[in-house]
C-alpha atoms as a PDB file:
ATOM      1  CA  MET A   1       0.000   0.000   0.000  1.00  0.00           C
ATOM      2  CA  ASN A   2       1.314   3.419  -0.872  1.00  0.00           C
ATOM      3  CA  ASN A   3       0.821   5.687   2.129  1.00  0.00           C
ATOM      4  CA  SER A   4       2.920   8.568   0.835  1.00  0.00           C
ATOM      5  CA  ALA A   5      -0.127  10.713   0.181  1.00  0.00           C
ATOM      6  CA  HIS A   6      -1.135  10.429   3.816  1.00  0.00           C
ATOM      7  CA  GLU A   7       2.167  10.687   5.671  1.00  0.00           C
ATOM      8  CA  ALA A   8       2.857  13.957   7.462  1.00  0.00           C
ATOM      9  CA  PRO A   9       6.092  15.715   6.484  1.00  0.00           C
ATOM     10  CA  ALA A  10       8.826  15.385   9.073  1.00  0.00           C
ATOM     11  CA  ASN A  11       8.602  19.074  10.034  1.00  0.00           C
ATOM     12  CA  GLU A  12       4.882  18.935  10.814  1.00  0.00           C
ATOM     13  CA  PRO A  13       3.700  18.425  14.393  1.00  0.00           C
ATOM     14  CA  SER A  14       2.310  15.106  15.501  1.00  0.00           C
ATOM     15  CA  THR A  15      -1.398  14.533  14.960  1.00  0.00           C
ATOM     16  CA  ALA A  16      -1.634  13.841  18.700  1.00  0.00           C
ATOM     17  CA  THR A  17      -2.267  16.982  20.720  1.00  0.00           C
ATOM     18  CA  ALA A  18      -1.771  17.289  24.464  1.00  0.00           C
ATOM     19  CA  PRO A  19      -5.410  16.257  25.164  1.00  0.00           C
ATOM     20  CA  GLY A  20      -4.926  13.382  22.735  1.00  0.00           C
ATOM     21  CA  LYS A  21      -2.162  11.966  24.865  1.00  0.00           C
ATOM     22  CA  ASN A  22      -4.795  11.480  27.564  1.00  0.00           C
ATOM     23  CA  ALA A  23      -7.248   9.644  25.304  1.00  0.00           C
ATOM     24  CA  TRP A  24      -6.731   6.491  27.343  1.00  0.00           C
ATOM     25  CA  THR A  25      -6.667   8.134  30.796  1.00  0.00           C
ATOM     26  CA  GLY A  26      -9.259   6.527  33.048  1.00  0.00           C
ATOM     27  CA  ALA A  27      -9.709   3.507  30.794  1.00  0.00           C
ATOM     28  CA  SER A  28      -9.551  -0.065  32.075  1.00  0.00           C
ATOM     29  CA  ALA A  29      -8.816  -1.824  28.775  1.00  0.00           C
ATOM     30  CA  ILE A  30      -7.506  -1.308  25.253  1.00  0.00           C
ATOM     31  CA  LEU A  31      -9.254  -3.161  22.430  1.00  0.00           C
ATOM     32  CA  PHE A  32      -6.859  -3.378  19.487  1.00  0.00           C
ATOM     33  CA  ASP A  33      -7.652  -4.053  15.889  1.00  0.00           C
ATOM     34  CA  LEU A  34      -4.867  -6.240  14.512  1.00  0.00           C
ATOM     35  CA  ASP A  35      -4.028  -5.660  10.842  1.00  0.00           C
ATOM     36  CA  GLY A  36      -2.658  -2.144  10.427  1.00  0.00           C
ATOM     37  CA  VAL A  37      -2.727  -1.393  14.168  1.00  0.00           C
ATOM     38  CA  LEU A  38      -0.458  -3.982  15.772  1.00  0.00           C
ATOM     39  CA  THR A  39       1.039  -5.503  12.634  1.00  0.00           C
ATOM     40  CA  PRO A  40       1.664  -4.255   9.090  1.00  0.00           C
ATOM     41  CA  THR A  41      -0.469  -7.069   7.728  1.00  0.00           C
ATOM     42  CA  ALA A  42      -3.050  -4.586   6.456  1.00  0.00           C
ATOM     43  CA  THR A  43      -0.694  -4.068   3.529  1.00  0.00           C
ATOM     44  CA  VAL A  44      -0.538  -7.846   3.066  1.00  0.00           C
ATOM     45  CA  HIS A  45      -4.338  -8.013   3.034  1.00  0.00           C
ATOM     46  CA  GLU A  46      -4.421  -5.225   0.478  1.00  0.00           C
ATOM     47  CA  GLN A  47      -1.878  -7.052  -1.668  1.00  0.00           C
ATOM     48  CA  ALA A  48      -3.850 -10.306  -1.430  1.00  0.00           C
ATOM     49  CA  TRP A  49      -7.134  -8.613  -2.361  1.00  0.00           C
ATOM     50  CA  LYS A  50      -5.456  -6.880  -5.300  1.00  0.00           C
ATOM     51  CA  GLU A  51      -4.041 -10.156  -6.581  1.00  0.00           C
ATOM     52  CA  LEU A  52      -7.400 -11.880  -6.133  1.00  0.00           C
ATOM     53  CA  PHE A  53      -9.558  -9.343  -7.917  1.00  0.00           C
ATOM     54  CA  GLU A  54      -7.097  -8.499 -10.681  1.00  0.00           C
ATOM     55  CA  GLY A  55      -7.085 -12.175 -11.558  1.00  0.00           C
ATOM     56  CA  PHE A  56     -10.847 -12.464 -11.279  1.00  0.00           C
ATOM     57  CA  LEU A  57     -11.591  -9.326 -13.310  1.00  0.00           C
ATOM     58  CA  ALA A  58      -9.278 -10.501 -16.079  1.00  0.00           C
ATOM     59  CA  GLY A  59     -12.196 -12.700 -17.061  1.00  0.00           C
ATOM     60  CA  HIS A  60     -14.558  -9.698 -17.100  1.00  0.00           C
ATOM     61  CA  PRO A  61     -12.994  -7.237 -19.568  1.00  0.00           C
ATOM     62  CA  GLU A  62     -16.275  -5.318 -19.777  1.00  0.00           C
ATOM     63  CA  VAL A  63     -15.954  -4.335 -16.091  1.00  0.00           C
ATOM     64  CA  GLN A  64     -13.728  -1.608 -14.663  1.00  0.00           C
ATOM     65  CA  GLY A  65     -10.464  -3.057 -13.377  1.00  0.00           C
ATOM     66  CA  TYR A  66      -9.298  -3.137  -9.777  1.00  0.00           C
ATOM     67  CA  ARG A  67      -8.143   0.220  -8.375  1.00  0.00           C
ATOM     68  CA  GLU A  68      -6.122   0.986  -5.229  1.00  0.00           C
ATOM     69  CA  SER A  69      -9.067   2.974  -3.859  1.00  0.00           C
ATOM     70  CA  ASP A  70     -11.289  -0.132  -4.030  1.00  0.00           C
ATOM     71  CA  TYR A  71      -9.579  -1.553  -0.946  1.00  0.00           C
ATOM     72  CA  PHE A  72     -10.541   1.407   1.229  1.00  0.00           C
ATOM     73  CA  ASP A  73     -13.915   1.978  -0.442  1.00  0.00           C
ATOM     74  CA  HIS A  74     -15.272  -1.576  -0.301  1.00  0.00           C
ATOM     75  CA  ILE A  75     -13.041  -3.983   1.629  1.00  0.00           C
ATOM     76  CA  ASP A  76     -10.869  -2.543   4.405  1.00  0.00           C
ATOM     77  CA  GLY A  77     -11.780  -3.686   7.923  1.00  0.00           C
ATOM     78  CA  LYS A  78     -14.780  -5.799   6.915  1.00  0.00           C
ATOM     79  CA  PRO A  79     -15.243  -9.545   7.389  1.00  0.00           C
ATOM     80  CA  ARG A  80     -13.669 -11.316   4.419  1.00  0.00           C
ATOM     81  CA  PHE A  81     -16.816 -12.495   2.667  1.00  0.00           C
ATOM     82  CA  ASP A  82     -18.519  -9.110   3.168  1.00  0.00           C
ATOM     83  CA  GLY A  83     -15.518  -7.602   1.392  1.00  0.00           C
ATOM     84  CA  VAL A  84     -16.039  -9.994  -1.518  1.00  0.00           C
ATOM     85  CA  ARG A  85     -19.757  -9.198  -1.706  1.00  0.00           C
ATOM     86  CA  ASP A  86     -19.310  -5.424  -1.467  1.00  0.00           C
ATOM     87  CA  PHE A  87     -16.568  -5.321  -4.097  1.00  0.00           C
ATOM     88  CA  LEU A  88     -18.591  -7.465  -6.500  1.00  0.00           C
ATOM     89  CA  ALA A  89     -21.620  -5.229  -5.887  1.00  0.00           C
ATOM     90  CA  SER A  90     -19.488  -2.207  -6.832  1.00  0.00           C
ATOM     91  CA  ARG A  91     -19.030  -3.835 -10.241  1.00  0.00           C
ATOM     92  CA  SER A  92     -22.655  -5.047 -10.452  1.00  0.00           C
ATOM     93  CA  ILE A  93     -21.473  -8.656 -10.445  1.00  0.00           C
ATOM     94  CA  GLU A  94     -23.571 -11.342  -8.781  1.00  0.00           C
ATOM     95  CA  LEU A  95     -22.141 -14.761  -7.934  1.00  0.00           C
ATOM     96  CA  PRO A  96     -23.584 -17.778  -6.148  1.00  0.00           C
ATOM     97  CA  GLU A  97     -22.715 -17.833  -2.457  1.00  0.00           C
ATOM     98  CA  GLY A  98     -21.239 -21.332  -2.314  1.00  0.00           C
ATOM     99  CA  PRO A  99     -20.590 -23.322   0.884  1.00  0.00           C
ATOM    100  CA  LEU A 100     -18.379 -21.866   3.606  1.00  0.00           C
ATOM    101  CA  ASP A 101     -15.580 -24.331   2.821  1.00  0.00           C
ATOM    102  CA  ASP A 102     -15.869 -23.877  -0.940  1.00  0.00           C
ATOM    103  CA  ASP A 103     -12.830 -24.714  -3.044  1.00  0.00           C
ATOM    104  CA  PRO A 104     -10.710 -21.594  -3.705  1.00  0.00           C
ATOM    105  CA  ALA A 105     -10.808 -22.478  -7.401  1.00  0.00           C
ATOM    106  CA  ASN A 106     -14.585 -22.027  -7.570  1.00  0.00           C
ATOM    107  CA  ILE A 107     -16.128 -18.776  -8.785  1.00  0.00           C
ATOM    108  CA  THR A 108     -18.417 -18.165  -5.819  1.00  0.00           C
ATOM    109  CA  VAL A 109     -18.417 -15.629  -2.994  1.00  0.00           C
ATOM    110  CA  GLN A 110     -17.019 -18.210  -0.592  1.00  0.00           C
ATOM    111  CA  GLY A 111     -14.596 -19.585  -3.180  1.00  0.00           C
ATOM    112  CA  LEU A 112     -13.134 -16.139  -3.871  1.00  0.00           C
ATOM    113  CA  GLY A 113     -12.900 -15.386  -0.155  1.00  0.00           C
ATOM    114  CA  ASN A 114     -11.083 -18.657   0.474  1.00  0.00           C
ATOM    115  CA  ARG A 115      -8.757 -17.945  -2.452  1.00  0.00           C
ATOM    116  CA  LYS A 116      -7.880 -14.596  -0.930  1.00  0.00           C
ATOM    117  CA  ASN A 117      -7.172 -16.329   2.379  1.00  0.00           C
ATOM    118  CA  ARG A 118      -4.794 -18.757   0.692  1.00  0.00           C
ATOM    119  CA  ILE A 119      -2.928 -15.884  -0.971  1.00  0.00           C
ATOM    120  CA  PHE A 120      -2.695 -14.050   2.367  1.00  0.00           C
ATOM    121  CA  ASN A 121      -1.390 -17.078   4.261  1.00  0.00           C
ATOM    122  CA  ASP A 122       1.230 -17.730   1.593  1.00  0.00           C
ATOM    123  CA  ILE A 123       2.555 -14.180   2.061  1.00  0.00           C
ATOM    124  CA  VAL A 124       2.651 -14.147   5.905  1.00  0.00           C
ATOM    125  CA  SER A 125       4.064 -17.655   6.264  1.00  0.00           C
ATOM    126  CA  THR A 126       7.577 -16.203   6.453  1.00  0.00           C
ATOM    127  CA  GLY A 127       6.755 -14.208   9.624  1.00  0.00           C
ATOM    128  CA  VAL A 128       5.424 -10.796  10.649  1.00  0.00           C
ATOM    129  CA  ALA A 129       7.243  -7.923  12.391  1.00  0.00           C
ATOM    130  CA  PRO A 130       4.855  -5.847  14.553  1.00  0.00           C
ATOM    131  CA  PHE A 131       4.910  -2.042  14.549  1.00  0.00           C
ATOM    132  CA  GLU A 132       7.518  -0.958  17.093  1.00  0.00           C
ATOM    133  CA  GLY A 133       5.441   1.979  18.346  1.00  0.00           C
ATOM    134  CA  SER A 134       2.413  -0.259  18.789  1.00  0.00           C
ATOM    135  CA  VAL A 135       4.432  -2.746  20.832  1.00  0.00           C
ATOM    136  CA  ARG A 136       5.657   0.058  23.096  1.00  0.00           C
ATOM    137  CA  PHE A 137       2.092   1.322  23.508  1.00  0.00           C
ATOM    138  CA  LEU A 138       0.873  -2.210  24.298  1.00  0.00           C
ATOM    139  CA  GLU A 139       3.621  -2.688  26.882  1.00  0.00           C
ATOM    140  CA  ALA A 140       2.818   0.689  28.454  1.00  0.00           C
ATOM    141  CA  ALA A 141      -0.858  -0.288  28.699  1.00  0.00           C
ATOM    142  CA  LEU A 142       0.055  -3.570  30.392  1.00  0.00           C
ATOM    143  CA  ASP A 143       2.431  -1.748  32.757  1.00  0.00           C
ATOM    144  CA  ARG A 144      -0.486   0.486  33.770  1.00  0.00           C
ATOM    145  CA  GLY A 145      -2.499  -2.611  34.607  1.00  0.00           C
ATOM    146  CA  LEU A 146      -4.922  -2.272  31.718  1.00  0.00           C
ATOM    147  CA  LYS A 147      -6.526  -5.340  30.192  1.00  0.00           C
ATOM    148  CA  VAL A 148      -6.078  -5.868  26.460  1.00  0.00           C
ATOM    149  CA  ALA A 149      -7.844  -7.739  23.683  1.00  0.00           C
ATOM    150  CA  VAL A 150      -7.640  -8.071  19.920  1.00  0.00           C
ATOM    151  CA  VAL A 151     -10.786  -7.522  17.866  1.00  0.00           C
ATOM    152  CA  SER A 152     -10.258  -8.357  14.205  1.00  0.00           C
ATOM    153  CA  SER A 153     -12.477  -9.102  11.246  1.00  0.00           C
ATOM    154  CA  SER A 154      -9.792 -11.467   9.976  1.00  0.00           C
ATOM    155  CA  ARG A 155     -10.129 -15.203  10.433  1.00  0.00           C
ATOM    156  CA  ASN A 156      -6.332 -15.362  10.607  1.00  0.00           C
ATOM    157  CA  ALA A 157      -5.844 -13.311  13.770  1.00  0.00           C
ATOM    158  CA  PRO A 158      -4.375 -16.090  15.974  1.00  0.00           C
ATOM    159  CA  ALA A 159      -1.904 -17.074  13.253  1.00  0.00           C
ATOM    160  CA  VAL A 160      -0.836 -13.457  12.689  1.00  0.00           C
ATOM    161  CA  LEU A 161      -0.422 -12.838  16.436  1.00  0.00           C
ATOM    162  CA  ALA A 162       1.707 -15.967  16.693  1.00  0.00           C
ATOM    163  CA  ALA A 163       3.821 -14.949  13.687  1.00  0.00           C
ATOM    164  CA  ALA A 164       4.374 -11.535  15.301  1.00  0.00           C
ATOM    165  CA  GLY A 165       5.254 -13.010  18.710  1.00  0.00           C
ATOM    166  CA  LEU A 166       2.349 -11.258  20.430  1.00  0.00           C
ATOM    167  CA  SER A 167       0.003 -14.138  21.296  1.00  0.00           C
ATOM    168  CA  HIS A 168       1.004 -14.302  24.957  1.00  0.00           C
ATOM    169  CA  HIS A 169      -0.240 -10.759  25.566  1.00  0.00           C
ATOM    170  CA  PHE A 170      -3.823 -11.420  24.478  1.00  0.00           C
ATOM    171  CA  PRO A 171      -5.995 -13.873  26.436  1.00  0.00           C
ATOM    172  CA  VAL A 172      -9.007 -12.513  24.547  1.00  0.00           C
ATOM    173  CA  VAL A 173      -9.083 -12.567  20.742  1.00  0.00           C
ATOM    174  CA  VAL A 174     -12.365 -11.916  18.947  1.00  0.00           C
ATOM    175  CA  ASP A 175     -11.827 -12.606  15.261  1.00  0.00           C
ATOM    176  CA  GLY A 176     -13.865 -13.588  12.239  1.00  0.00           C
ATOM    177  CA  VAL A 177     -14.072 -17.205  13.381  1.00  0.00           C
ATOM    178  CA  VAL A 178     -15.433 -16.216  16.805  1.00  0.00           C
ATOM    179  CA  ALA A 179     -17.889 -13.764  15.242  1.00  0.00           C
ATOM    180  CA  ALA A 180     -19.232 -16.419  12.876  1.00  0.00           C
ATOM    181  CA  ARG A 181     -19.491 -19.018  15.636  1.00  0.00           C
ATOM    182  CA  GLU A 182     -21.329 -16.657  17.999  1.00  0.00           C
ATOM    183  CA  GLY A 183     -23.486 -15.059  15.302  1.00  0.00           C
ATOM    184  CA  ILE A 184     -22.015 -11.606  15.942  1.00  0.00           C
ATOM    185  CA  PRO A 185     -22.202  -9.054  13.110  1.00  0.00           C
ATOM    186  CA  GLY A 186     -18.858  -7.704  11.940  1.00  0.00           C
ATOM    187  CA  LYS A 187     -17.628  -4.134  11.717  1.00  0.00           C
ATOM    188  CA  PRO A 188     -18.960  -1.460  11.247  1.00  0.00           C
ATOM    189  CA  SER A 189     -21.296  -2.922  13.873  1.00  0.00           C
ATOM    190  CA  PRO A 190     -19.837  -2.382  17.376  1.00  0.00           C
ATOM    191  CA  ALA A 191     -20.877  -5.912  18.368  1.00  0.00           C
ATOM    192  CA  THR A 192     -17.460  -7.598  18.196  1.00  0.00           C
ATOM    193  CA  TYR A 193     -15.893  -4.877  20.321  1.00  0.00           C
ATOM    194  CA  ALA A 194     -18.742  -5.056  22.814  1.00  0.00           C
ATOM    195  CA  TYR A 195     -18.320  -8.843  22.962  1.00  0.00           C
ATOM    196  CA  ALA A 196     -14.597  -8.454  23.727  1.00  0.00           C
ATOM    197  CA  ALA A 197     -15.440  -6.026  26.532  1.00  0.00           C
ATOM    198  CA  ARG A 198     -17.819  -8.594  28.039  1.00  0.00           C
ATOM    199  CA  LEU A 199     -15.134 -11.289  27.842  1.00  0.00           C
ATOM    200  CA  LEU A 200     -12.841  -8.925  29.751  1.00  0.00           C
ATOM    201  CA  GLU A 201     -15.687  -8.461  32.268  1.00  0.00           C
ATOM    202  CA  LEU A 202     -15.720  -4.712  31.715  1.00  0.00           C
ATOM    203  CA  PRO A 203     -18.351  -2.236  30.540  1.00  0.00           C
ATOM    204  CA  SER A 204     -17.761  -0.822  27.072  1.00  0.00           C
ATOM    205  CA  GLU A 205     -17.472   2.643  28.594  1.00  0.00           C
ATOM    206  CA  GLU A 206     -14.146   1.639  30.176  1.00  0.00           C
ATOM    207  CA  CYS A 207     -12.623   0.299  26.952  1.00  0.00           C
ATOM    208  CA  VAL A 208     -10.630   2.229  24.345  1.00  0.00           C
ATOM    209  CA  VAL A 209     -10.947   1.106  20.730  1.00  0.00           C
ATOM    210  CA  VAL A 210      -7.844   1.403  18.510  1.00  0.00           C
ATOM    211  CA  GLU A 211      -8.468   1.177  14.758  1.00  0.00           C
ATOM    212  CA  ASP A 212      -6.963   2.025  11.381  1.00  0.00           C
ATOM    213  CA  ALA A 213      -9.956   1.194   9.152  1.00  0.00           C
ATOM    214  CA  VAL A 214     -13.000   3.382   8.546  1.00  0.00           C
ATOM    215  CA  SER A 215     -15.387   0.515   9.284  1.00  0.00           C
ATOM    216  CA  GLY A 216     -13.565  -0.183  12.559  1.00  0.00           C
ATOM    217  CA  VAL A 217     -13.646   3.452  13.635  1.00  0.00           C
ATOM    218  CA  GLN A 218     -17.355   3.509  12.789  1.00  0.00           C
ATOM    219  CA  ALA A 219     -17.786   0.429  14.977  1.00  0.00           C
ATOM    220  CA  GLY A 220     -16.068   2.161  17.872  1.00  0.00           C
ATOM    221  CA  GLN A 221     -18.073   5.334  17.379  1.00  0.00           C
ATOM    222  CA  ALA A 222     -21.354   3.413  17.246  1.00  0.00           C
ATOM    223  CA  GLY A 223     -20.747   1.750  20.611  1.00  0.00           C
ATOM    224  CA  GLN A 224     -20.557   3.237  24.083  1.00  0.00           C
ATOM    225  CA  PHE A 225     -16.771   3.113  24.344  1.00  0.00           C
ATOM    226  CA  HIS A 226     -14.360   5.270  26.330  1.00  0.00           C
ATOM    227  CA  SER A 227     -12.741   6.673  23.163  1.00  0.00           C
ATOM    228  CA  VAL A 228     -11.674   5.689  19.656  1.00  0.00           C
ATOM    229  CA  ILE A 229      -8.028   6.143  18.682  1.00  0.00           C
ATOM    230  CA  GLY A 230      -7.515   6.158  14.935  1.00  0.00           C
ATOM    231  CA  VAL A 231      -4.169   5.120  13.446  1.00  0.00           C
ATOM    232  CA  ASP A 232      -3.618   6.504   9.955  1.00  0.00           C
ATOM    233  CA  ARG A 233      -1.994   3.774   7.891  1.00  0.00           C
ATOM    234  CA  GLY A 234      -3.468   5.039   4.644  1.00  0.00           C
ATOM    235  CA  ALA A 235      -7.159   5.724   5.165  1.00  0.00           C
ATOM    236  CA  GLY A 236      -6.410   9.399   5.861  1.00  0.00           C
ATOM    237  CA  ARG A 237      -6.551  11.454   9.048  1.00  0.00           C
ATOM    238  CA  GLU A 238      -9.616  13.507   8.110  1.00  0.00           C
ATOM    239  CA  THR A 239     -11.445  10.405   6.888  1.00  0.00           C
ATOM    240  CA  LEU A 240     -10.915   8.654  10.222  1.00  0.00           C
ATOM    241  CA  LEU A 241     -11.970  11.758  12.167  1.00  0.00           C
ATOM    242  CA  GLU A 242     -15.121  12.038  10.065  1.00  0.00           C
ATOM    243  CA  ALA A 243     -15.837   8.353  10.771  1.00  0.00           C
ATOM    244  CA  GLY A 244     -15.840   9.109  14.497  1.00  0.00           C
ATOM    245  CA  ALA A 245     -12.276   8.832  15.805  1.00  0.00           C
ATOM    246  CA  THR A 246     -11.615  10.765  18.997  1.00  0.00           C
ATOM    247  CA  LEU A 247      -8.161  11.539  17.660  1.00  0.00           C
ATOM    248  CA  VAL A 248      -5.849  10.216  14.949  1.00  0.00           C
ATOM    249  CA  VAL A 249      -2.128   9.474  15.158  1.00  0.00           C
ATOM    250  CA  ASN A 250       0.372   8.195  12.629  1.00  0.00           C
ATOM    251  CA  ASP A 251       1.878   5.841  15.196  1.00  0.00           C
ATOM    252  CA  LEU A 252       0.731   4.736  18.653  1.00  0.00           C
ATOM    253  CA  GLY A 253       4.140   5.671  20.030  1.00  0.00           C
ATOM    254  CA  GLU A 254       3.006   9.295  19.755  1.00  0.00           C
ATOM    255  CA  LEU A 255       0.704   8.710  22.730  1.00  0.00           C
ATOM    256  CA  LEU A 256       3.592   7.847  25.040  1.00  0.00           C
ATOM    257  CA  PRO A 257       5.649  10.330  27.084  1.00  0.00           C
END
C-alpha cells in the first residue's frame, strides 16, 4: 500500500495533541484491531485482495479493473466475505454464495474469499514484524495494569499474532471465526468490540478502541466506548476523524511520554 499521500512531512507536528495523549486516561482496557494497528499485515491483506480481484476481473474485460481505492472503499476492515460481496456489488457482479468451505478455485463468494485467504497465508508464512510503536504502547498499557484484547475481522488473527510473537499478551481474541461461531455481526457494527469487553468483564465505557480502518472506527463510534483512537496507515486522518475517531495518530508511540 502506498501511504505517501497520507504521511505527514517530518517538520509537521504530531497529529496527537496534548489532550490526545490522555485519550486512554481513566480507561480499564484497550481493544486493538490487529491488521494495520499492531502488525503491518493490512498491507498484506491489500496485496492479497489486489491479486485476487485483478485475476478475477481478467475474465470480465467489460468491467472496470481493480483500483487501489477499491480496498478502502469496499473492503478494508470488513469480514472477508462481506468484502467480496461489497466489491462485487461495486461492479454489479452477482455470484452464487457457495458453501463456507468452498474450493478456492470455484467462482463463488465463498470460493473467492477462500482464495484470498490462501494468498494471504502464503505471504505471511515467512513471519510478521509488529509495529515498534504499537508494541511500546501495548507494553505501556500492560504496565499500567490495563486489560487488552484483539478484535479483528480477519479469520487469521491467531496465526498473525503468533507470527508476530504477540500471542502471549492477548488472552481474549475476537476474530472472524469467533464472530461467525457466535453469530455476531462484523464491523462497522460495534458488536465484536462489545463482545470483547464482556469477555474482559468490563463495561464498554471503560474500553478504548484502537483502529486504522474506517469501518472499525465507525464500529467504535457506534458503541458506548471510552474513546476511539484512529491510526492513519493510509485511510487518511480527516477520513478517520469524520468516521468518528476521537483523535488520529500516525503511530501509537506518539501517545507515550
